[in-house]
């Protein structure tokens, strides 16, 4: 049986994809504006800033997957 992901992504996968795009955008904005992170934390957290890149990398991987999927269709 052929996997549904290979032809048409399901609604759930679309929602997850959109969620990660939104979170990565928000996180990158928070990363760029240091005043935003300063209001959240009194001191600079390198680990926190590194964590912001996780959804960005994940979104990039998901985007590559979607491009491959739509090229097949």
PDB file of N, CA and C in Angstrom:
ATOM      1  N   UNK A   1       0.844  -1.200   0.000  1.00  0.00           N
ATOM      2  CA  UNK A   1       0.000   0.000   0.000  1.00  0.00           C
ATOM      3  C   UNK A   1       0.880   1.251   0.000  1.00  0.00           C
ATOM      4  N   UNK A   2       0.534   2.181  -0.893  1.00  0.00           N
ATOM      5  CA  UNK A   2       1.345   3.393  -1.023  1.00  0.00           C
ATOM      6  C   UNK A   2       1.059   4.362   0.122  1.00  0.00           C
ATOM      7  N   UNK A   3       2.120   4.973   0.609  1.00  0.00           N
ATOM      8  CA  UNK A   3       1.976   5.926   1.707  1.00  0.00           C
ATOM      9  C   UNK A   3       1.325   7.209   1.197  1.00  0.00           C
ATOM     10  N   UNK A   4       0.359   7.723   1.952  1.00  0.00           N
ATOM     11  CA  UNK A   4      -0.371   8.924   1.548  1.00  0.00           C
ATOM     12  C   UNK A   4       0.526  10.154   1.479  1.00  0.00           C
ATOM     13  N   UNK A   5       1.590  10.167   2.264  1.00  0.00           N
ATOM     14  CA  UNK A   5       2.511  11.297   2.335  1.00  0.00           C
ATOM     15  C   UNK A   5       3.193  11.546   0.991  1.00  0.00           C
ATOM     16  N   UNK A   6       3.427  10.482   0.227  1.00  0.00           N
ATOM     17  CA  UNK A   6       4.160  10.599  -1.033  1.00  0.00           C
ATOM     18  C   UNK A   6       3.359  11.319  -2.113  1.00  0.00           C
ATOM     19  N   UNK A   7       2.044  11.232  -2.070  1.00  0.00           N
ATOM     20  CA  UNK A   7       1.230  11.881  -3.093  1.00  0.00           C
ATOM     21  C   UNK A   7       0.628  13.194  -2.613  1.00  0.00           C
ATOM     22  N   UNK A   8      -0.180  13.125  -1.567  1.00  0.00           N
ATOM     23  CA  UNK A   8      -0.819  14.335  -1.047  1.00  0.00           C
ATOM     24  C   UNK A   8      -0.696  14.388   0.469  1.00  0.00           C
ATOM     25  N   UNK A   9      -0.061  15.441   0.994  1.00  0.00           N
ATOM     26  CA  UNK A   9       0.041  15.576   2.456  1.00  0.00           C
ATOM     27  C   UNK A   9      -1.343  15.765   3.079  1.00  0.00           C
ATOM     28  N   UNK A  10      -1.542  15.167   4.216  1.00  0.00           N
ATOM     29  CA  UNK A  10      -2.835  15.264   4.895  1.00  0.00           C
ATOM     30  C   UNK A  10      -2.988  16.628   5.567  1.00  0.00           C
ATOM     31  N   UNK A  11      -4.194  16.914   6.022  1.00  0.00           N
ATOM     32  CA  UNK A  11      -4.482  18.183   6.699  1.00  0.00           C
ATOM     33  C   UNK A  11      -3.650  18.318   7.966  1.00  0.00           C
ATOM     34  N   UNK A  12      -3.497  17.213   8.691  1.00  0.00           N
ATOM     35  CA  UNK A  12      -2.707  17.221   9.924  1.00  0.00           C
ATOM     36  C   UNK A  12      -1.257  17.614   9.627  1.00  0.00           C
ATOM     37  N   UNK A  13      -0.696  17.074   8.556  1.00  0.00           N
ATOM     38  CA  UNK A  13       0.681  17.397   8.188  1.00  0.00           C
ATOM     39  C   UNK A  13       0.812  18.858   7.764  1.00  0.00           C
ATOM     40  N   UNK A  14      -0.207  19.385   7.077  1.00  0.00           N
ATOM     41  CA  UNK A  14      -0.222  20.801   6.713  1.00  0.00           C
ATOM     42  C   UNK A  14      -0.211  21.687   7.952  1.00  0.00           C
ATOM     43  N   UNK A  15      -1.036  21.329   8.934  1.00  0.00           N
ATOM     44  CA  UNK A  15      -1.127  22.109  10.168  1.00  0.00           C
ATOM     45  C   UNK A  15       0.183  22.083  10.941  1.00  0.00           C
ATOM     46  N   UNK A  16       0.825  20.921  11.001  1.00  0.00           N
ATOM     47  CA  UNK A  16       2.125  20.805  11.668  1.00  0.00           C
ATOM     48  C   UNK A  16       3.150  21.667  10.942  1.00  0.00           C
ATOM     49  N   UNK A  17       3.120  21.609   9.616  1.00  0.00           N
ATOM     50  CA  UNK A  17       4.023  22.388   8.775  1.00  0.00           C
ATOM     51  C   UNK A  17       3.848  23.887   9.024  1.00  0.00           C
ATOM     52  N   UNK A  18       2.600  24.351   9.029  1.00  0.00           N
ATOM     53  CA  UNK A  18       2.296  25.758   9.290  1.00  0.00           C
ATOM     54  C   UNK A  18       2.707  26.163  10.700  1.00  0.00           C
ATOM     55  N   UNK A  19       2.469  25.285  11.665  1.00  0.00           N
ATOM     56  CA  UNK A  19       2.838  25.554  13.053  1.00  0.00           C
ATOM     57  C   UNK A  19       4.334  25.800  13.186  1.00  0.00           C
ATOM     58  N   UNK A  20       5.139  24.965  12.511  1.00  0.00           N
ATOM     59  CA  UNK A  20       6.583  25.126  12.600  1.00  0.00           C
ATOM     60  C   UNK A  20       7.074  26.357  11.856  1.00  0.00           C
ATOM     61  N   UNK A  21       6.393  26.745  10.779  1.00  0.00           N
ATOM     62  CA  UNK A  21       6.750  27.982  10.078  1.00  0.00           C
ATOM     63  C   UNK A  21       6.502  29.174  10.996  1.00  0.00           C
ATOM     64  N   UNK A  22       5.336  29.200  11.645  1.00  0.00           N
ATOM     65  CA  UNK A  22       4.977  30.302  12.547  1.00  0.00           C
ATOM     66  C   UNK A  22       5.929  30.366  13.738  1.00  0.00           C
ATOM     67  N   UNK A  23       6.201  29.216  14.350  1.00  0.00           N
ATOM     68  CA  UNK A  23       7.093  29.206  15.514  1.00  0.00           C
ATOM     69  C   UNK A  23       8.511  29.621  15.151  1.00  0.00           C
ATOM     70  N   UNK A  24       8.987  29.176  13.992  1.00  0.00           N
ATOM     71  CA  UNK A  24      10.343  29.552  13.582  1.00  0.00           C
ATOM     72  C   UNK A  24      10.431  31.041  13.267  1.00  0.00           C
ATOM     73  N   UNK A  25       9.362  31.605  12.684  1.00  0.00           N
ATOM     74  CA  UNK A  25       9.336  33.042  12.393  1.00  0.00           C
ATOM     75  C   UNK A  25       9.354  33.845  13.686  1.00  0.00           C
ATOM     76  N   UNK A  26       8.512  33.455  14.626  1.00  0.00           N
ATOM     77  CA  UNK A  26       8.450  34.136  15.925  1.00  0.00           C
ATOM     78  C   UNK A  26       9.784  34.030  16.651  1.00  0.00           C
ATOM     79  N   UNK A  27      10.376  32.833  16.616  1.00  0.00           N
ATOM     80  CA  UNK A  27      11.646  32.616  17.293  1.00  0.00           C
ATOM     81  C   UNK A  27      12.788  33.385  16.651  1.00  0.00           C
ATOM     82  N   UNK A  28      12.786  33.481  15.328  1.00  0.00           N
ATOM     83  CA  UNK A  28      13.843  34.238  14.659  1.00  0.00           C
ATOM     84  C   UNK A  28      13.707  35.729  14.952  1.00  0.00           C
ATOM     85  N   UNK A  29      12.468  36.212  15.041  1.00  0.00           N
ATOM     86  CA  UNK A  29      12.235  37.610  15.415  1.00  0.00           C
ATOM     87  C   UNK A  29      12.696  37.868  16.843  1.00  0.00           C
ATOM     88  N   UNK A  30      12.393  36.930  17.732  1.00  0.00           N
ATOM     89  CA  UNK A  30      12.823  37.042  19.125  1.00  0.00           C
ATOM     90  C   UNK A  30      14.341  36.992  19.232  1.00  0.00           C
ATOM     91  N   UNK A  31      14.950  36.216  18.355  1.00  0.00           N
ATOM     92  CA  UNK A  31      16.408  36.100  18.350  1.00  0.00           C
ATOM     93  C   UNK A  31      17.058  37.388  17.850  1.00  0.00           C
ATOM     94  N   UNK A  32      16.434  38.023  16.854  1.00  0.00           N
ATOM     95  CA  UNK A  32      16.996  39.244  16.271  1.00  0.00           C
ATOM     96  C   UNK A  32      16.877  40.431  17.219  1.00  0.00           C
ATOM     97  N   UNK A  33      15.742  40.527  17.884  1.00  0.00           N
ATOM     98  CA  UNK A  33      15.549  41.638  18.815  1.00  0.00           C
ATOM     99  C   UNK A  33      15.996  41.215  20.207  1.00  0.00           C
ATOM    100  N   UNK A  34      17.126  41.727  20.620  1.00  0.00           N
ATOM    101  CA  UNK A  34      17.677  41.369  21.930  1.00  0.00           C
ATOM    102  C   UNK A  34      16.853  41.951  23.079  1.00  0.00           C
ATOM    103  N   UNK A  35      16.147  43.042  22.811  1.00  0.00           N
ATOM    104  CA  UNK A  35      15.322  43.653  23.858  1.00  0.00           C
ATOM    105  C   UNK A  35      14.196  42.706  24.282  1.00  0.00           C
ATOM    106  N   UNK A  36      13.696  41.938  23.315  1.00  0.00           N
ATOM    107  CA  UNK A  36      12.640  40.966  23.614  1.00  0.00           C
ATOM    108  C   UNK A  36      13.157  39.872  24.545  1.00  0.00           C
ATOM    109  N   UNK A  37      14.357  39.376  24.276  1.00  0.00           N
ATOM    110  CA  UNK A  37      14.933  38.331  25.127  1.00  0.00           C
ATOM    111  C   UNK A  37      15.360  38.899  26.476  1.00  0.00           C
ATOM    112  N   UNK A  38      15.735  40.169  26.494  1.00  0.00           N
ATOM    113  CA  UNK A  38      16.140  40.807  27.753  1.00  0.00           C
ATOM    114  C   UNK A  38      14.959  40.989  28.696  1.00  0.00           C
ATOM    115  N   UNK A  39      13.774  41.222  28.133  1.00  0.00           N
ATOM    116  CA  UNK A  39      12.588  41.346  28.981  1.00  0.00           C
ATOM    117  C   UNK A  39      12.205  39.991  29.571  1.00  0.00           C
ATOM    118  N   UNK A  40      12.452  38.919  28.816  1.00  0.00           N
ATOM    119  CA  UNK A  40      12.141  37.579  29.321  1.00  0.00           C
ATOM    120  C   UNK A  40      13.171  37.111  30.336  1.00  0.00           C
ATOM    121  N   UNK A  41      14.435  37.389  30.034  1.00  0.00           N
ATOM    122  CA  UNK A  41      15.522  36.927  30.904  1.00  0.00           C
ATOM    123  C   UNK A  41      16.413  38.101  31.285  1.00  0.00           C
ATOM    124  N   UNK A  42      16.827  38.128  32.524  1.00  0.00           N
ATOM    125  CA  UNK A  42      17.705  39.200  32.990  1.00  0.00           C
ATOM    126  C   UNK A  42      19.128  39.038  32.473  1.00  0.00           C
ATOM    127  N   UNK A  43      19.509  37.815  32.193  1.00  0.00           N
ATOM    128  CA  UNK A  43      20.855  37.550  31.687  1.00  0.00           C
ATOM    129  C   UNK A  43      20.777  36.815  30.340  1.00  0.00           C
ATOM    130  N   UNK A  44      21.841  36.904  29.597  1.00  0.00           N
ATOM    131  CA  UNK A  44      21.874  36.327  28.259  1.00  0.00           C
ATOM    132  C   UNK A  44      22.050  34.813  28.324  1.00  0.00           C
ATOM    133  N   UNK A  45      21.127  34.090  27.700  1.00  0.00           N
ATOM    134  CA  UNK A  45      21.196  32.630  27.688  1.00  0.00           C
ATOM    135  C   UNK A  45      21.600  32.137  26.304  1.00  0.00           C
ATOM    136  N   UNK A  46      22.797  31.616  26.197  1.00  0.00           N
ATOM    137  CA  UNK A  46      23.279  31.102  24.917  1.00  0.00           C
ATOM    138  C   UNK A  46      22.501  29.842  24.526  1.00  0.00           C
ATOM    139  N   UNK A  47      22.211  29.010  25.519  1.00  0.00           N
ATOM    140  CA  UNK A  47      21.471  27.781  25.257  1.00  0.00           C
ATOM    141  C   UNK A  47      20.071  28.083  24.726  1.00  0.00           C
ATOM    142  N   UNK A  48      19.442  29.116  25.272  1.00  0.00           N
ATOM    143  CA  UNK A  48      18.112  29.517  24.815  1.00  0.00           C
ATOM    144  C   UNK A  48      18.151  29.967  23.359  1.00  0.00           C
ATOM    145  N   UNK A  49      19.179  30.745  23.023  1.00  0.00           N
ATOM    146  CA  UNK A  49      19.299  31.226  21.647  1.00  0.00           C
ATOM    147  C   UNK A  49      19.617  30.095  20.675  1.00  0.00           C
ATOM    148  N   UNK A  50      20.345  29.098  21.137  1.00  0.00           N
ATOM    149  CA  UNK A  50      20.624  27.933  20.292  1.00  0.00           C
ATOM    150  C   UNK A  50      19.359  27.117  20.056  1.00  0.00           C
ATOM    151  N   UNK A  51      18.500  27.072  21.080  1.00  0.00           N
ATOM    152  CA  UNK A  51      17.230  26.356  20.957  1.00  0.00           C
ATOM    153  C   UNK A  51      16.307  26.976  19.914  1.00  0.00           C
ATOM    154  N   UNK A  52      16.464  28.274  19.673  1.00  0.00           N
ATOM    155  CA  UNK A  52      15.633  28.957  18.688  1.00  0.00           C
ATOM    156  C   UNK A  52      15.880  28.447  17.271  1.00  0.00           C
ATOM    157  N   UNK A  53      17.076  27.909  17.039  1.00  0.00           N
ATOM    158  CA  UNK A  53      17.408  27.437  15.702  1.00  0.00           C
ATOM    159  C   UNK A  53      16.820  26.062  15.398  1.00  0.00           C
ATOM    160  N   UNK A  54      16.391  25.345  16.426  1.00  0.00           N
ATOM    161  CA  UNK A  54      15.841  24.001  16.217  1.00  0.00           C
ATOM    162  C   UNK A  54      14.596  24.028  15.325  1.00  0.00           C
ATOM    163  N   UNK A  55      13.563  24.869  15.604  1.00  0.00           N
ATOM    164  CA  UNK A  55      12.415  24.900  14.696  1.00  0.00           C
ATOM    165  C   UNK A  55      12.761  25.428  13.312  1.00  0.00           C
ATOM    166  N   UNK A  56      13.762  26.302  13.210  1.00  0.00           N
ATOM    167  CA  UNK A  56      14.164  26.836  11.908  1.00  0.00           C
ATOM    168  C   UNK A  56      14.742  25.713  11.044  1.00  0.00           C
ATOM    169  N   UNK A  57      15.619  24.902  11.636  1.00  0.00           N
ATOM    170  CA  UNK A  57      16.204  23.763  10.927  1.00  0.00           C
ATOM    171  C   UNK A  57      15.115  22.755  10.560  1.00  0.00           C
ATOM    172  N   UNK A  58      14.208  22.518  11.505  1.00  0.00           N
ATOM    173  CA  UNK A  58      13.102  21.592  11.276  1.00  0.00           C
ATOM    174  C   UNK A  58      12.223  22.067  10.124  1.00  0.00           C
ATOM    175  N   UNK A  59      11.902  23.363  10.091  1.00  0.00           N
ATOM    176  CA  UNK A  59      11.079  23.931   9.022  1.00  0.00           C
ATOM    177  C   UNK A  59      11.775  23.798   7.682  1.00  0.00           C
ATOM    178  N   UNK A  60      13.083  24.032   7.667  1.00  0.00           N
ATOM    179  CA  UNK A  60      13.862  23.884   6.435  1.00  0.00           C
ATOM    180  C   UNK A  60      13.784  22.451   5.910  1.00  0.00           C
ATOM    181  N   UNK A  61      13.906  21.495   6.808  1.00  0.00           N
ATOM    182  CA  UNK A  61      13.820  20.081   6.432  1.00  0.00           C
ATOM    183  C   UNK A  61      12.425  19.737   5.917  1.00  0.00           C
ATOM    184  N   UNK A  62      11.401  20.264   6.583  1.00  0.00           N
ATOM    185  CA  UNK A  62      10.020  20.027   6.168  1.00  0.00           C
ATOM    186  C   UNK A  62       9.751  20.634   4.794  1.00  0.00           C
ATOM    187  N   UNK A  63      10.283  21.845   4.555  1.00  0.00           N
ATOM    188  CA  UNK A  63      10.093  22.523   3.276  1.00  0.00           C
ATOM    189  C   UNK A  63      10.713  21.710   2.149  1.00  0.00           C
ATOM    190  N   UNK A  64      11.916  21.201   2.386  1.00  0.00           N
ATOM    191  CA  UNK A  64      12.577  20.360   1.390  1.00  0.00           C
ATOM    192  C   UNK A  64      11.740  19.128   1.079  1.00  0.00           C
ATOM    193  N   UNK A  65      11.145  18.562   2.105  1.00  0.00           N
ATOM    194  CA  UNK A  65      10.291  17.388   1.949  1.00  0.00           C
ATOM    195  C   UNK A  65       9.048  17.714   1.124  1.00  0.00           C
ATOM    196  N   UNK A  66       8.450  18.878   1.379  1.00  0.00           N
ATOM    197  CA  UNK A  66       7.258  19.289   0.647  1.00  0.00           C
ATOM    198  C   UNK A  66       7.575  19.567  -0.817  1.00  0.00           C
ATOM    199  N   UNK A  67       8.716  20.195  -1.088  1.00  0.00           N
ATOM    200  CA  UNK A  67       9.116  20.481  -2.468  1.00  0.00           C
ATOM    201  C   UNK A  67       9.279  19.168  -3.238  1.00  0.00           C
ATOM    202  N   UNK A  68       9.924  18.198  -2.597  1.00  0.00           N
ATOM    203  CA  UNK A  68      10.092  16.871  -3.207  1.00  0.00           C
ATOM    204  C   UNK A  68       8.734  16.229  -3.472  1.00  0.00           C
ATOM    205  N   UNK A  69       7.819  16.378  -2.519  1.00  0.00           N
ATOM    206  CA  UNK A  69       6.485  15.783  -2.636  1.00  0.00           C
ATOM    207  C   UNK A  69       5.724  16.381  -3.809  1.00  0.00           C
ATOM    208  N   UNK A  70       5.753  17.700  -3.946  1.00  0.00           N
ATOM    209  CA  UNK A  70       4.988  18.347  -5.006  1.00  0.00           C
ATOM    210  C   UNK A  70       5.626  18.172  -6.381  1.00  0.00           C
ATOM    211  N   UNK A  71       6.923  17.928  -6.427  1.00  0.00           N
ATOM    212  CA  UNK A  71       7.572  17.627  -7.706  1.00  0.00           C
ATOM    213  C   UNK A  71       7.152  16.259  -8.222  1.00  0.00           C
ATOM    214  N   UNK A  72       6.839  15.349  -7.295  1.00  0.00           N
ATOM    215  CA  UNK A  72       6.384  14.008  -7.687  1.00  0.00           C
ATOM    216  C   UNK A  72       4.976  14.038  -8.268  1.00  0.00           C
ATOM    217  N   UNK A  73       4.158  14.970  -7.798  1.00  0.00           N
ATOM    218  CA  UNK A  73       2.741  15.041  -8.206  1.00  0.00           C
ATOM    219  C   UNK A  73       2.572  15.656  -9.567  1.00  0.00           C
TER     220      UNK A  73
END
